[in-house]
Amino acid sequence: MPSLYATSDLHVTHRGNEPLVDDVRGDSPDDWLLVAGDVAEKVGAVVDTLATLRERFAKVVWVPGNHELWTTPQDDVPLRGEERYRHLVDRCRGLDVLTPEDEFPVWEHGERLLTVAPLFVLYDYSWRTPQAEDVSLDEALDQAREAGVVCTDEYFLHPDPHPSRHEWCARRLKVSEERLAAIPEDHGTVLMSHWPLHRHPTAPLYWPEFALWCGTTRTEDWHVRYRAEVAVFGHLHIPRTTWADGVRFEEVSLGYPREWRKRARGPVPVRKIL
């Protein structure tokens, strides 16, 4: 029987990570792979890596992470914001890799049909620390800066043509909710995103202020509302299994070499989900 695998945060341009892509393999040519973002910052590296993975799996499904959406001076593709995202979608379609803009595939190998829903939802700074709950967004960001925590997105993740990242998030939430609502009611789901849909996985963050850049309160019931069998995500670089409301959450990131080298089990570039 085929298996469903997942990976995220491969960060292949970091020395020590690229060779680990060779370990992202299944047990059968019929296996599927979910890639939950942050393959790389450069479009060429993202495309080349996804092309390699597509050769190994019957189906590959990708969602963007924040790093794919960065526009940096080192990238040959200077596109920003929505235009950059659409370019990545087009490149994925050329590889036969599914994206959040494509028809959701259905996993037919379990006890019930599961619609695999790749979601691009971003974040809206609503996951605040108690000290920032009652202040403006600008004040919350100032508090994070005072704590020494500023996500690099503030410099490289441009929301064009949207006025801000949180307004781009609002648009992506609307699109995603409409598509999720259209899933047949007798289907369960595999909810796949880069940013966690529920806040509980952020609890171990060393800097709690970083949760500002990790999700949105507006998705925190999606695992229940949309009948999730499992929610797959990355971004936090804290790979583990957790549960909320009886639903399994799988954080499947590889992370940076400085992180996985400290773990007793070493690097884990891919996880079997189903």
C-alpha atoms as a PDB file:
ATOM      1  CA  MET A   1       0.000   0.000   0.000  1.00  0.00           C
ATOM      2  CA  PRO A   2       1.349   3.484  -0.815  1.00  0.00           C
ATOM      3  CA  SER A   3       2.499   5.797   1.971  1.00  0.00           C
ATOM      4  CA  LEU A   4       2.238   9.554   2.403  1.00  0.00           C
ATOM      5  CA  TYR A   5       5.501  11.271   3.341  1.00  0.00           C
ATOM      6  CA  ALA A   6       6.226  14.875   4.284  1.00  0.00           C
ATOM      7  CA  THR A   7       9.164  17.226   4.599  1.00  0.00           C
ATOM      8  CA  SER A   8       9.758  20.941   5.050  1.00  0.00           C
ATOM      9  CA  ASP A   9      12.475  23.497   5.707  1.00  0.00           C
ATOM     10  CA  LEU A  10      15.093  21.669   3.686  1.00  0.00           C
ATOM     11  CA  HIS A  11      17.005  24.954   3.239  1.00  0.00           C
ATOM     12  CA  VAL A  12      19.143  23.337   0.574  1.00  0.00           C
ATOM     13  CA  THR A  13      21.436  26.344   0.133  1.00  0.00           C
ATOM     14  CA  HIS A  14      22.785  25.885   3.666  1.00  0.00           C
ATOM     15  CA  ARG A  15      25.999  23.864   3.669  1.00  0.00           C
ATOM     16  CA  GLY A  16      25.282  20.399   5.030  1.00  0.00           C
ATOM     17  CA  ASN A  17      21.617  20.296   4.005  1.00  0.00           C
ATOM     18  CA  GLU A  18      21.812  19.744   0.249  1.00  0.00           C
ATOM     19  CA  PRO A  19      23.244  16.186   0.529  1.00  0.00           C
ATOM     20  CA  LEU A  20      20.309  15.243   2.771  1.00  0.00           C
ATOM     21  CA  VAL A  21      17.888  15.699  -0.124  1.00  0.00           C
ATOM     22  CA  ASP A  22      19.164  12.332  -1.328  1.00  0.00           C
ATOM     23  CA  ASP A  23      17.551  10.780   1.776  1.00  0.00           C
ATOM     24  CA  VAL A  24      14.094  12.132   0.889  1.00  0.00           C
ATOM     25  CA  ARG A  25      12.749   8.941  -0.631  1.00  0.00           C
ATOM     26  CA  GLY A  26       9.793   6.645  -0.146  1.00  0.00           C
ATOM     27  CA  ASP A  27       9.547   2.868  -0.029  1.00  0.00           C
ATOM     28  CA  SER A  28       7.422   2.543  -3.154  1.00  0.00           C
ATOM     29  CA  PRO A  29       7.124   4.334  -6.503  1.00  0.00           C
ATOM     30  CA  ASP A  30       3.452   4.907  -5.594  1.00  0.00           C
ATOM     31  CA  ASP A  31       4.250   6.999  -2.493  1.00  0.00           C
ATOM     32  CA  TRP A  32       3.327  10.684  -2.259  1.00  0.00           C
ATOM     33  CA  LEU A  33       5.391  13.538  -0.804  1.00  0.00           C
ATOM     34  CA  LEU A  34       4.191  16.758   0.826  1.00  0.00           C
ATOM     35  CA  VAL A  35       6.731  19.602   0.784  1.00  0.00           C
ATOM     36  CA  ALA A  36       5.644  22.191   3.345  1.00  0.00           C
ATOM     37  CA  GLY A  37       7.789  25.116   2.263  1.00  0.00           C
ATOM     38  CA  ASP A  38      11.215  26.649   2.791  1.00  0.00           C
ATOM     39  CA  VAL A  39      12.997  24.540   0.216  1.00  0.00           C
ATOM     40  CA  ALA A  40      15.307  27.510  -0.479  1.00  0.00           C
ATOM     41  CA  GLU A  41      15.407  31.280  -0.992  1.00  0.00           C
ATOM     42  CA  LYS A  42      16.390  31.166  -4.680  1.00  0.00           C
ATOM     43  CA  VAL A  43      13.845  30.182  -7.313  1.00  0.00           C
ATOM     44  CA  GLY A  44      16.392  28.047  -9.188  1.00  0.00           C
ATOM     45  CA  ALA A  45      17.245  26.013  -6.102  1.00  0.00           C
ATOM     46  CA  VAL A  46      13.560  25.510  -5.294  1.00  0.00           C
ATOM     47  CA  VAL A  47      12.759  24.304  -8.807  1.00  0.00           C
ATOM     48  CA  ASP A  48      15.792  22.029  -9.074  1.00  0.00           C
ATOM     49  CA  THR A  49      15.041  20.394  -5.716  1.00  0.00           C
ATOM     50  CA  LEU A  50      11.361  19.858  -6.484  1.00  0.00           C
ATOM     51  CA  ALA A  51      12.290  18.388  -9.877  1.00  0.00           C
ATOM     52  CA  THR A  52      14.552  15.867  -8.144  1.00  0.00           C
ATOM     53  CA  LEU A  53      11.854  14.937  -5.632  1.00  0.00           C
ATOM     54  CA  ARG A  54       9.213  14.608  -8.336  1.00  0.00           C
ATOM     55  CA  GLU A  55      11.312  11.874  -9.976  1.00  0.00           C
ATOM     56  CA  ARG A  56      11.083   9.803  -6.776  1.00  0.00           C
ATOM     57  CA  PHE A  57       7.406  10.079  -5.844  1.00  0.00           C
ATOM     58  CA  ALA A  58       4.136   9.406  -7.658  1.00  0.00           C
ATOM     59  CA  LYS A  59       2.817  12.795  -6.536  1.00  0.00           C
ATOM     60  CA  VAL A  60       4.502  15.812  -4.974  1.00  0.00           C
ATOM     61  CA  VAL A  61       2.515  18.631  -3.362  1.00  0.00           C
ATOM     62  CA  TRP A  62       4.221  21.932  -2.453  1.00  0.00           C
ATOM     63  CA  VAL A  63       3.251  25.014  -0.487  1.00  0.00           C
ATOM     64  CA  PRO A  64       5.437  28.113  -0.182  1.00  0.00           C
ATOM     65  CA  GLY A  65       7.227  29.036   2.990  1.00  0.00           C
ATOM     66  CA  ASN A  66       8.438  32.486   3.847  1.00  0.00           C
ATOM     67  CA  HIS A  67      11.906  31.796   2.393  1.00  0.00           C
ATOM     68  CA  GLU A  68      10.567  31.007  -1.088  1.00  0.00           C
ATOM     69  CA  LEU A  69       8.784  34.355  -0.971  1.00  0.00           C
ATOM     70  CA  TRP A  70      11.885  36.347  -0.059  1.00  0.00           C
ATOM     71  CA  THR A  71      13.328  38.637  -2.727  1.00  0.00           C
ATOM     72  CA  THR A  72      17.068  38.880  -2.128  1.00  0.00           C
ATOM     73  CA  PRO A  73      19.927  40.442  -4.110  1.00  0.00           C
ATOM     74  CA  GLN A  74      21.449  36.962  -4.582  1.00  0.00           C
ATOM     75  CA  ASP A  75      18.490  35.610  -6.566  1.00  0.00           C
ATOM     76  CA  ASP A  76      18.426  35.834 -10.361  1.00  0.00           C
ATOM     77  CA  VAL A  77      14.615  36.189 -10.152  1.00  0.00           C
ATOM     78  CA  PRO A  78      13.847  39.654  -8.718  1.00  0.00           C
ATOM     79  CA  LEU A  79      10.061  39.206  -8.565  1.00  0.00           C
ATOM     80  CA  ARG A  80       8.261  40.307  -5.412  1.00  0.00           C
ATOM     81  CA  GLY A  81       5.143  39.335  -3.494  1.00  0.00           C
ATOM     82  CA  GLU A  82       2.189  37.896  -5.373  1.00  0.00           C
ATOM     83  CA  GLU A  83       4.078  37.962  -8.674  1.00  0.00           C
ATOM     84  CA  ARG A  84       6.876  35.868  -7.158  1.00  0.00           C
ATOM     85  CA  TYR A  85       4.384  33.378  -5.738  1.00  0.00           C
ATOM     86  CA  ARG A  86       2.593  33.021  -9.084  1.00  0.00           C
ATOM     87  CA  HIS A  87       5.927  32.497 -10.834  1.00  0.00           C
ATOM     88  CA  LEU A  88       6.745  29.665  -8.431  1.00  0.00           C
ATOM     89  CA  VAL A  89       3.319  28.137  -9.046  1.00  0.00           C
ATOM     90  CA  ASP A  90       3.922  28.218 -12.793  1.00  0.00           C
ATOM     91  CA  ARG A  91       7.336  26.622 -12.393  1.00  0.00           C
ATOM     92  CA  CYS A  92       5.846  23.873 -10.202  1.00  0.00           C
ATOM     93  CA  ARG A  93       3.170  23.145 -12.785  1.00  0.00           C
ATOM     94  CA  GLY A  94       5.940  22.688 -15.338  1.00  0.00           C
ATOM     95  CA  LEU A  95       7.307  19.938 -13.078  1.00  0.00           C
ATOM     96  CA  ASP A  96       3.906  18.322 -12.432  1.00  0.00           C
ATOM     97  CA  VAL A  97       4.142  19.404  -8.792  1.00  0.00           C
ATOM     98  CA  LEU A  98       0.816  20.407  -7.210  1.00  0.00           C
ATOM     99  CA  THR A  99       0.388  23.788  -5.474  1.00  0.00           C
ATOM    100  CA  PRO A 100      -2.293  25.631  -3.464  1.00  0.00           C
ATOM    101  CA  GLU A 101      -3.688  26.875  -6.782  1.00  0.00           C
ATOM    102  CA  ASP A 102      -4.394  23.410  -8.195  1.00  0.00           C
ATOM    103  CA  GLU A 103      -7.201  20.924  -7.679  1.00  0.00           C
ATOM    104  CA  PHE A 104      -6.828  19.248  -4.305  1.00  0.00           C
ATOM    105  CA  PRO A 105      -5.780  15.594  -4.706  1.00  0.00           C
ATOM    106  CA  VAL A 106      -7.542  12.791  -2.824  1.00  0.00           C
ATOM    107  CA  TRP A 107      -5.705  10.123  -0.828  1.00  0.00           C
ATOM    108  CA  GLU A 108      -7.666   6.909  -1.333  1.00  0.00           C
ATOM    109  CA  HIS A 109      -5.581   4.462   0.684  1.00  0.00           C
ATOM    110  CA  GLY A 110      -7.005   4.810   4.194  1.00  0.00           C
ATOM    111  CA  GLU A 111     -10.189   4.002   6.068  1.00  0.00           C
ATOM    112  CA  ARG A 112     -11.868   7.065   4.525  1.00  0.00           C
ATOM    113  CA  LEU A 113     -11.165   9.348   1.599  1.00  0.00           C
ATOM    114  CA  LEU A 114      -8.827  12.189   2.559  1.00  0.00           C
ATOM    115  CA  THR A 115      -8.571  15.380   0.543  1.00  0.00           C
ATOM    116  CA  VAL A 116      -5.018  16.709   0.696  1.00  0.00           C
ATOM    117  CA  ALA A 117      -5.378  20.489   0.995  1.00  0.00           C
ATOM    118  CA  PRO A 118      -2.201  22.519   0.380  1.00  0.00           C
ATOM    119  CA  LEU A 119      -2.774  25.916   1.985  1.00  0.00           C
ATOM    120  CA  PHE A 120      -0.926  29.195   1.562  1.00  0.00           C
ATOM    121  CA  VAL A 121      -2.199  31.415   4.369  1.00  0.00           C
ATOM    122  CA  LEU A 122       0.758  33.484   5.687  1.00  0.00           C
ATOM    123  CA  TYR A 123       0.374  35.178   9.109  1.00  0.00           C
ATOM    124  CA  ASP A 124      -1.239  38.335  10.437  1.00  0.00           C
ATOM    125  CA  TYR A 125       0.702  39.091  13.654  1.00  0.00           C
ATOM    126  CA  SER A 126      -2.284  38.061  15.796  1.00  0.00           C
ATOM    127  CA  TRP A 127      -0.307  35.528  17.873  1.00  0.00           C
ATOM    128  CA  ARG A 128       0.836  37.992  20.518  1.00  0.00           C
ATOM    129  CA  THR A 129       2.578  37.605  23.857  1.00  0.00           C
ATOM    130  CA  PRO A 130       0.506  38.657  26.890  1.00  0.00           C
ATOM    131  CA  GLN A 131       2.518  41.884  27.009  1.00  0.00           C
ATOM    132  CA  ALA A 132       1.441  42.748  23.448  1.00  0.00           C
ATOM    133  CA  GLU A 133      -2.192  41.635  23.476  1.00  0.00           C
ATOM    134  CA  ASP A 134      -3.697  45.089  23.983  1.00  0.00           C
ATOM    135  CA  VAL A 135      -1.352  47.241  21.926  1.00  0.00           C
ATOM    136  CA  SER A 136      -1.233  48.234  18.272  1.00  0.00           C
ATOM    137  CA  LEU A 137       0.625  46.171  15.706  1.00  0.00           C
ATOM    138  CA  ASP A 138       3.390  48.769  15.518  1.00  0.00           C
ATOM    139  CA  GLU A 139       3.793  48.651  19.290  1.00  0.00           C
ATOM    140  CA  ALA A 140       3.833  44.827  19.263  1.00  0.00           C
ATOM    141  CA  LEU A 141       6.573  44.881  16.623  1.00  0.00           C
ATOM    142  CA  ASP A 142       8.507  47.437  18.673  1.00  0.00           C
ATOM    143  CA  GLN A 143       8.277  45.167  21.711  1.00  0.00           C
ATOM    144  CA  ALA A 144       9.619  42.273  19.656  1.00  0.00           C
ATOM    145  CA  ARG A 145      12.507  44.425  18.433  1.00  0.00           C
ATOM    146  CA  GLU A 146      13.283  45.459  22.006  1.00  0.00           C
ATOM    147  CA  ALA A 147      13.476  41.755  22.879  1.00  0.00           C
ATOM    148  CA  GLY A 148      15.927  41.284  20.001  1.00  0.00           C
ATOM    149  CA  VAL A 149      13.468  39.357  17.832  1.00  0.00           C
ATOM    150  CA  VAL A 150      12.808  40.516  14.272  1.00  0.00           C
ATOM    151  CA  CYS A 151      11.912  38.020  11.552  1.00  0.00           C
ATOM    152  CA  THR A 152      13.918  38.495   8.343  1.00  0.00           C
ATOM    153  CA  ASP A 153      10.567  38.611   6.526  1.00  0.00           C
ATOM    154  CA  GLU A 154      10.401  42.261   7.562  1.00  0.00           C
ATOM    155  CA  TYR A 155      13.204  42.960   5.104  1.00  0.00           C
ATOM    156  CA  PHE A 156      12.770  40.421   2.291  1.00  0.00           C
ATOM    157  CA  LEU A 157       9.127  39.210   2.170  1.00  0.00           C
ATOM    158  CA  HIS A 158       7.358  41.904   0.171  1.00  0.00           C
ATOM    159  CA  PRO A 159       3.523  41.783  -0.006  1.00  0.00           C
ATOM    160  CA  ASP A 160       3.161  43.552  -3.402  1.00  0.00           C
ATOM    161  CA  PRO A 161       0.596  44.472  -4.611  1.00  0.00           C
ATOM    162  CA  HIS A 162      -1.084  44.098  -1.215  1.00  0.00           C
ATOM    163  CA  PRO A 163      -0.528  46.966   1.227  1.00  0.00           C
ATOM    164  CA  SER A 164       0.926  44.690   3.937  1.00  0.00           C
ATOM    165  CA  ARG A 165       1.696  41.089   4.805  1.00  0.00           C
ATOM    166  CA  HIS A 166      -1.302  40.842   7.126  1.00  0.00           C
ATOM    167  CA  GLU A 167      -3.601  42.102   4.367  1.00  0.00           C
ATOM    168  CA  TRP A 168      -2.120  39.537   1.983  1.00  0.00           C
ATOM    169  CA  CYS A 169      -2.829  36.974   4.709  1.00  0.00           C
ATOM    170  CA  ALA A 170      -6.474  38.098   4.856  1.00  0.00           C
ATOM    171  CA  ARG A 171      -6.805  37.537   1.128  1.00  0.00           C
ATOM    172  CA  ARG A 172      -5.215  34.087   1.351  1.00  0.00           C
ATOM    173  CA  LEU A 173      -7.512  33.124   4.227  1.00  0.00           C
ATOM    174  CA  LYS A 174     -10.581  34.027   2.171  1.00  0.00           C
ATOM    175  CA  VAL A 175      -9.387  31.999  -0.827  1.00  0.00           C
ATOM    176  CA  SER A 176      -8.439  29.023   1.355  1.00  0.00           C
ATOM    177  CA  GLU A 177     -11.710  28.966   3.297  1.00  0.00           C
ATOM    178  CA  GLU A 178     -13.720  28.975   0.082  1.00  0.00           C
ATOM    179  CA  ARG A 179     -11.767  26.008  -1.253  1.00  0.00           C
ATOM    180  CA  LEU A 180     -11.903  24.071   2.007  1.00  0.00           C
ATOM    181  CA  ALA A 181     -15.666  24.581   2.264  1.00  0.00           C
ATOM    182  CA  ALA A 182     -16.062  22.928  -1.143  1.00  0.00           C
ATOM    183  CA  ILE A 183     -14.470  19.640  -0.026  1.00  0.00           C
ATOM    184  CA  PRO A 184     -17.101  16.844   0.058  1.00  0.00           C
ATOM    185  CA  GLU A 185     -18.487  16.419   3.561  1.00  0.00           C
ATOM    186  CA  ASP A 186     -17.754  12.689   3.587  1.00  0.00           C
ATOM    187  CA  HIS A 187     -14.030  13.361   3.088  1.00  0.00           C
ATOM    188  CA  GLY A 188     -11.546  13.854   5.854  1.00  0.00           C
ATOM    189  CA  THR A 189      -8.577  16.090   5.140  1.00  0.00           C
ATOM    190  CA  VAL A 190      -4.831  16.345   5.341  1.00  0.00           C
ATOM    191  CA  LEU A 191      -4.268  20.043   6.001  1.00  0.00           C
ATOM    192  CA  MET A 192      -0.859  21.086   4.735  1.00  0.00           C
ATOM    193  CA  SER A 193       0.691  24.492   5.319  1.00  0.00           C
ATOM    194  CA  HIS A 194       4.053  26.061   6.047  1.00  0.00           C
ATOM    195  CA  TRP A 195       2.881  28.046   9.048  1.00  0.00           C
ATOM    196  CA  PRO A 196       1.097  26.075  11.813  1.00  0.00           C
ATOM    197  CA  LEU A 197      -2.679  26.425  11.758  1.00  0.00           C
ATOM    198  CA  HIS A 198      -2.945  26.214  15.553  1.00  0.00           C
ATOM    199  CA  ARG A 199      -0.841  28.093  18.069  1.00  0.00           C
ATOM    200  CA  HIS A 200       0.007  25.234  20.446  1.00  0.00           C
ATOM    201  CA  PRO A 201       3.137  24.118  18.525  1.00  0.00           C
ATOM    202  CA  THR A 202       4.727  27.526  19.214  1.00  0.00           C
ATOM    203  CA  ALA A 203       4.771  26.933  22.982  1.00  0.00           C
ATOM    204  CA  PRO A 204       8.422  25.762  23.072  1.00  0.00           C
ATOM    205  CA  LEU A 205       9.754  28.790  21.145  1.00  0.00           C
ATOM    206  CA  TYR A 206      12.832  30.162  22.908  1.00  0.00           C
ATOM    207  CA  TRP A 207      11.668  33.664  21.954  1.00  0.00           C
ATOM    208  CA  PRO A 208       7.868  33.745  22.401  1.00  0.00           C
ATOM    209  CA  GLU A 209       7.747  37.058  20.525  1.00  0.00           C
ATOM    210  CA  PHE A 210       8.588  35.161  17.316  1.00  0.00           C
ATOM    211  CA  ALA A 211       5.038  33.756  17.307  1.00  0.00           C
ATOM    212  CA  LEU A 212       4.033  37.054  15.659  1.00  0.00           C
ATOM    213  CA  TRP A 213       5.431  35.644  12.393  1.00  0.00           C
ATOM    214  CA  CYS A 214       4.072  32.105  12.815  1.00  0.00           C
ATOM    215  CA  GLY A 215       0.334  32.089  12.092  1.00  0.00           C
ATOM    216  CA  THR A 216      -3.079  33.586  12.658  1.00  0.00           C
ATOM    217  CA  THR A 217      -5.893  33.124  15.167  1.00  0.00           C
ATOM    218  CA  ARG A 218      -8.296  32.797  12.232  1.00  0.00           C
ATOM    219  CA  THR A 219      -7.146  29.242  11.422  1.00  0.00           C
ATOM    220  CA  GLU A 220      -7.192  27.839  14.930  1.00  0.00           C
ATOM    221  CA  ASP A 221     -10.385  25.805  14.464  1.00  0.00           C
ATOM    222  CA  TRP A 222      -9.683  24.624  10.917  1.00  0.00           C
ATOM    223  CA  HIS A 223      -8.453  21.193  12.014  1.00  0.00           C
ATOM    224  CA  VAL A 224     -11.893  20.597  13.550  1.00  0.00           C
ATOM    225  CA  ARG A 225     -14.044  22.512  11.081  1.00  0.00           C
ATOM    226  CA  TYR A 226     -12.514  20.788   8.067  1.00  0.00           C
ATOM    227  CA  ARG A 227     -12.319  17.267   9.528  1.00  0.00           C
ATOM    228  CA  ALA A 228      -8.539  16.918   9.579  1.00  0.00           C
ATOM    229  CA  GLU A 229      -6.974  13.493   9.932  1.00  0.00           C
ATOM    230  CA  VAL A 230      -3.616  15.220  10.328  1.00  0.00           C
ATOM    231  CA  ALA A 231      -2.205  18.746   9.986  1.00  0.00           C
ATOM    232  CA  VAL A 232       1.271  18.956   8.455  1.00  0.00           C
ATOM    233  CA  PHE A 233       3.469  22.048   8.733  1.00  0.00           C
ATOM    234  CA  GLY A 234       7.010  23.342   9.229  1.00  0.00           C
ATOM    235  CA  HIS A 235       8.486  26.809   9.898  1.00  0.00           C
ATOM    236  CA  LEU A 236       9.243  26.374  13.601  1.00  0.00           C
ATOM    237  CA  HIS A 237      12.219  24.001  13.214  1.00  0.00           C
ATOM    238  CA  ILE A 238      10.859  22.031  16.173  1.00  0.00           C
ATOM    239  CA  PRO A 239      10.066  18.670  14.519  1.00  0.00           C
ATOM    240  CA  ARG A 240       7.652  16.627  16.616  1.00  0.00           C
ATOM    241  CA  THR A 241       4.141  15.199  16.882  1.00  0.00           C
ATOM    242  CA  THR A 242       1.509  17.010  18.939  1.00  0.00           C
ATOM    243  CA  TRP A 243      -2.272  16.785  19.321  1.00  0.00           C
ATOM    244  CA  ALA A 244      -5.144  19.253  19.608  1.00  0.00           C
ATOM    245  CA  ASP A 245      -8.832  18.317  19.864  1.00  0.00           C
ATOM    246  CA  GLY A 246      -7.925  14.729  18.997  1.00  0.00           C
ATOM    247  CA  VAL A 247      -6.186  15.785  15.762  1.00  0.00           C
ATOM    248  CA  ARG A 248      -2.550  14.956  15.085  1.00  0.00           C
ATOM    249  CA  PHE A 249      -0.190  17.792  14.182  1.00  0.00           C
ATOM    250  CA  GLU A 250       3.100  16.918  12.474  1.00  0.00           C
ATOM    251  CA  GLU A 251       5.916  19.466  12.346  1.00  0.00           C
ATOM    252  CA  VAL A 252       8.147  17.962   9.644  1.00  0.00           C
ATOM    253  CA  SER A 253      11.004  20.456   9.258  1.00  0.00           C
ATOM    254  CA  LEU A 254      14.629  19.489   8.747  1.00  0.00           C
ATOM    255  CA  GLY A 255      15.942  22.891   9.852  1.00  0.00           C
ATOM    256  CA  TYR A 256      19.428  24.354   9.733  1.00  0.00           C
ATOM    257  CA  PRO A 257      22.575  22.239  10.256  1.00  0.00           C
ATOM    258  CA  ARG A 258      23.322  24.074  13.509  1.00  0.00           C
ATOM    259  CA  GLU A 259      19.955  22.835  14.775  1.00  0.00           C
ATOM    260  CA  TRP A 260      19.813  19.195  13.636  1.00  0.00           C
ATOM    261  CA  ARG A 261      23.438  18.573  14.638  1.00  0.00           C
ATOM    262  CA  LYS A 262      22.416  19.142  18.260  1.00  0.00           C
ATOM    263  CA  ARG A 263      19.667  16.509  18.149  1.00  0.00           C
ATOM    264  CA  ALA A 264      20.421  13.025  19.384  1.00  0.00           C
ATOM    265  CA  ARG A 265      18.686  11.488  16.376  1.00  0.00           C
ATOM    266  CA  GLY A 266      20.499  13.773  13.928  1.00  0.00           C
ATOM    267  CA  PRO A 267      18.888  15.053  10.747  1.00  0.00           C
ATOM    268  CA  VAL A 268      15.430  13.732   9.797  1.00  0.00           C
ATOM    269  CA  PRO A 269      14.775  15.039   6.283  1.00  0.00           C
ATOM    270  CA  VAL A 270      11.492  13.168   5.691  1.00  0.00           C
ATOM    271  CA  ARG A 271       8.664  11.701   7.806  1.00  0.00           C
ATOM    272  CA  LYS A 272       6.024   9.091   7.027  1.00  0.00           C
ATOM    273  CA  ILE A 273       2.623  10.634   7.799  1.00  0.00           C
ATOM    274  CA  LEU A 274       0.133   7.957   6.665  1.00  0.00           C
END
